[in-house]
Amino acid sequence: MRINIESVRKKDAANSIKFDYRLDESNESKKNDYLDLLRAEKIDSIEIEGEISQKNGLVAAEYKIEALFRAYCARCGNETYQSIEFDGEGYIADSSDDDDGENFYVTKEDGILELDDFIVEFLGIHVPYRYLCSDDCKGLCHYCGKDLNDGECSCEKKEKNPAFKILDDFFKE
């Protein structure tokens, strides 16, 4: 979705632009970008809503982004539903402006805000390093590969290295 922000950029403009956008199934190329960004298996929804207005003589955006998707647990490999939800505020500058600090989103085309690019920019900051199906996920057995969340495995555990046997006594209290 493209938003023309020229009416807000005018000096002393009292205009504001509200927006509400949801990624739809027809935008396959953008959906693939989001899959890569989120390291997800399937995206259920990505939504952004907010308002663009003038603050302190600059174009500012207040927004809320929500993403619901499926990814794989880093410990057990099971598919898990994940969500990322956050509010933000930032300034929007054109590529011709001199303002390009860390709180600025710089548009590719002067006066036009491309919401998909905006979402990618700010959603990427909030993507976790890894996903877990639960905080207490036990993962997989290192020997047989059984999912330990379903119960203990019956494989034979390898014995500890005898050279480190002395450390077992060291940590006993």
Protein backbone atom coordinates (compact mmCIF):
# COMPACT_ATOMS: atom_id res chain seq x y z
CA MET A 1 0.00 0.00 0.00
CA ARG A 2 1.32 3.40 -0.96
CA ILE A 3 0.47 6.55 0.99
CA ASN A 4 1.02 10.04 -0.39
CA ILE A 5 2.31 12.09 2.57
CA GLU A 6 2.65 15.41 0.73
CA SER A 7 -0.42 16.94 2.45
CA VAL A 8 1.22 16.33 5.84
CA ARG A 9 4.65 17.61 4.74
CA LYS A 10 3.42 21.13 3.99
CA LYS A 11 4.62 23.66 6.52
CA ASP A 12 2.18 24.10 9.42
CA ALA A 13 -0.13 21.41 8.02
CA ALA A 14 -2.89 20.35 10.37
CA ASN A 15 -3.71 17.32 8.24
CA SER A 16 -3.19 13.78 9.38
CA ILE A 17 -3.54 10.51 7.52
CA LYS A 18 -4.90 7.43 9.27
CA PHE A 19 -4.03 4.06 7.80
CA ASP A 20 -5.05 0.47 8.41
CA TYR A 21 -3.40 -2.19 6.25
CA ARG A 22 -3.43 -5.96 6.24
CA LEU A 23 -1.17 -8.14 4.10
CA ASP A 24 -3.42 -10.08 1.74
CA GLU A 25 -2.98 -13.36 -0.09
CA SER A 26 -2.61 -11.67 -3.49
CA ASN A 27 0.71 -10.02 -2.67
CA GLU A 28 2.87 -13.14 -3.03
CA SER A 29 6.22 -11.36 -3.53
CA LYS A 30 5.84 -9.30 -0.34
CA LYS A 31 4.64 -12.38 1.52
CA ASN A 32 7.88 -14.16 0.62
CA ASP A 33 9.86 -11.18 1.93
CA TYR A 34 8.00 -11.46 5.23
CA LEU A 35 8.56 -15.23 5.41
CA ASP A 36 12.30 -14.67 5.06
CA LEU A 37 12.33 -11.79 7.55
CA LEU A 38 10.40 -13.73 10.21
CA ARG A 39 12.06 -17.07 9.43
CA ALA A 40 8.50 -18.39 9.37
CA GLU A 41 6.86 -21.38 7.74
CA LYS A 42 3.48 -19.71 7.12
CA ILE A 43 2.13 -16.23 7.75
CA ASP A 44 -1.42 -16.01 9.06
CA SER A 45 -1.62 -12.21 9.17
CA ILE A 46 0.41 -9.03 9.29
CA GLU A 47 -1.43 -5.83 10.14
CA ILE A 48 -0.40 -2.23 10.68
CA GLU A 49 -2.54 0.66 11.77
CA GLY A 50 -1.60 4.16 12.68
CA GLU A 51 -1.55 7.82 11.86
CA ILE A 52 0.82 10.12 10.00
CA SER A 53 0.90 13.71 11.20
CA GLN A 54 3.26 16.65 11.61
CA LYS A 55 5.19 16.96 14.88
CA ASN A 56 7.78 19.65 15.53
CA GLY A 57 7.77 20.52 11.84
CA LEU A 58 8.55 16.95 10.78
CA VAL A 59 6.37 14.16 9.38
CA ALA A 60 5.82 11.59 12.13
CA ALA A 61 4.14 8.19 12.16
CA GLU A 62 2.58 6.50 15.17
CA TYR A 63 1.83 2.87 14.45
CA LYS A 64 0.98 -0.55 15.82
CA ILE A 65 2.18 -3.67 14.03
CA GLU A 66 0.85 -7.19 14.66
CA ALA A 67 2.18 -10.34 13.00
CA LEU A 68 0.75 -13.84 13.50
CA PHE A 69 2.66 -16.71 11.92
CA ARG A 70 3.90 -20.26 12.26
CA ALA A 71 7.53 -21.17 12.78
CA TYR A 72 9.54 -24.12 14.04
CA CYS A 73 10.71 -24.46 17.64
CA ALA A 74 14.50 -24.17 17.90
CA ARG A 75 14.68 -26.98 20.49
CA CYS A 76 12.20 -29.66 19.42
CA GLY A 77 11.45 -28.73 15.80
CA ASN A 78 7.66 -28.73 16.24
CA GLU A 79 5.59 -26.14 14.44
CA THR A 80 4.50 -23.38 16.81
CA TYR A 81 2.24 -20.36 16.54
CA GLN A 82 4.02 -17.09 17.20
CA SER A 83 2.99 -13.47 17.42
CA ILE A 84 4.88 -10.21 17.43
CA GLU A 85 3.03 -7.10 18.52
CA PHE A 86 4.45 -3.65 19.18
CA ASP A 87 3.70 0.06 19.05
CA GLY A 88 6.11 2.60 17.69
CA GLU A 89 6.69 6.15 16.65
CA GLY A 90 9.16 7.53 14.17
CA TYR A 91 9.81 10.28 11.70
CA ILE A 92 9.55 9.97 7.93
CA ALA A 93 12.08 11.72 5.70
CA ASP A 94 12.39 11.83 1.93
CA SER A 95 15.55 10.62 0.24
CA SER A 96 16.33 14.25 -0.62
CA ASP A 97 16.13 15.38 3.05
CA ASP A 98 19.23 15.73 5.16
CA ASP A 99 17.52 14.13 8.17
CA ASP A 100 18.51 10.47 8.21
CA GLY A 101 19.14 9.62 11.85
CA GLU A 102 18.24 6.39 13.57
CA ASN A 103 14.69 7.59 14.35
CA PHE A 104 13.95 8.31 10.70
CA TYR A 105 12.47 6.11 8.03
CA VAL A 106 13.70 7.34 4.65
CA THR A 107 11.27 6.88 1.75
CA LYS A 108 12.51 5.56 -1.57
CA GLU A 109 10.26 7.86 -3.56
CA ASP A 110 9.81 11.45 -2.36
CA GLY A 111 6.41 12.08 -0.80
CA ILE A 112 5.32 8.43 -1.00
CA LEU A 113 5.35 6.03 1.95
CA GLU A 114 5.39 2.37 0.91
CA LEU A 115 3.81 0.60 3.91
CA ASP A 116 5.28 -2.84 3.11
CA ASP A 117 8.81 -1.43 3.19
CA PHE A 118 7.96 0.49 6.36
CA ILE A 119 6.72 -2.71 8.05
CA VAL A 120 9.82 -4.67 7.03
CA GLU A 121 12.06 -1.92 8.43
CA PHE A 122 10.45 -1.88 11.86
CA LEU A 123 9.27 -5.49 12.15
CA GLY A 124 12.83 -6.69 11.53
CA ILE A 125 13.97 -5.00 14.74
CA HIS A 126 11.52 -7.06 16.79
CA VAL A 127 12.12 -10.51 15.32
CA PRO A 128 13.55 -12.81 18.03
CA TYR A 129 16.76 -14.74 17.54
CA ARG A 130 14.87 -18.04 17.82
CA TYR A 131 11.37 -19.32 18.48
CA LEU A 132 10.35 -21.77 21.20
CA CYS A 133 7.09 -23.71 21.46
CA SER A 134 7.17 -22.98 25.22
CA ASP A 135 9.68 -21.58 27.70
CA ASP A 136 10.09 -25.02 29.28
CA CYS A 137 10.56 -26.97 26.02
CA LYS A 138 12.83 -29.95 26.72
CA GLY A 139 13.95 -30.37 23.12
CA LEU A 140 15.14 -33.61 21.56
CA CYS A 141 17.21 -36.43 23.01
CA HIS A 142 20.79 -35.96 21.86
CA TYR A 143 21.16 -39.69 21.23
CA CYS A 144 17.93 -40.99 19.68
CA GLY A 145 16.15 -37.76 18.63
CA LYS A 146 12.91 -38.39 20.56
CA ASP A 147 10.89 -35.33 21.51
CA LEU A 148 11.41 -35.13 25.29
CA ASN A 149 8.23 -33.05 25.67
CA ASP A 150 6.32 -36.29 24.97
CA GLY A 151 8.15 -38.14 27.77
CA GLU A 152 11.53 -39.67 28.49
CA CYS A 153 13.20 -41.80 25.87
CA SER A 154 14.33 -45.38 26.38
CA CYS A 155 17.66 -45.17 24.59
CA GLU A 156 20.89 -46.02 26.30
CA LYS A 157 22.65 -42.90 27.41
CA LYS A 158 26.37 -42.91 26.77
CA GLU A 159 28.55 -43.00 29.82
CA LYS A 160 30.41 -39.89 30.83
CA ASN A 161 34.06 -39.59 29.99
CA PRO A 162 35.94 -41.24 32.90
CA ALA A 163 38.49 -38.44 32.86
CA PHE A 164 35.77 -36.08 34.12
CA LYS A 165 34.43 -38.46 36.83
CA ILE A 166 36.26 -36.51 39.52
CA LEU A 167 34.12 -33.44 38.71
CA ASP A 168 30.94 -35.31 39.77
CA ASP A 169 32.24 -35.38 43.35
CA PHE A 170 33.35 -31.78 43.16
CA PHE A 171 29.83 -30.45 42.53
CA LYS A 172 28.09 -32.59 45.20
CA GLU A 173 27.06 -30.81 48.35
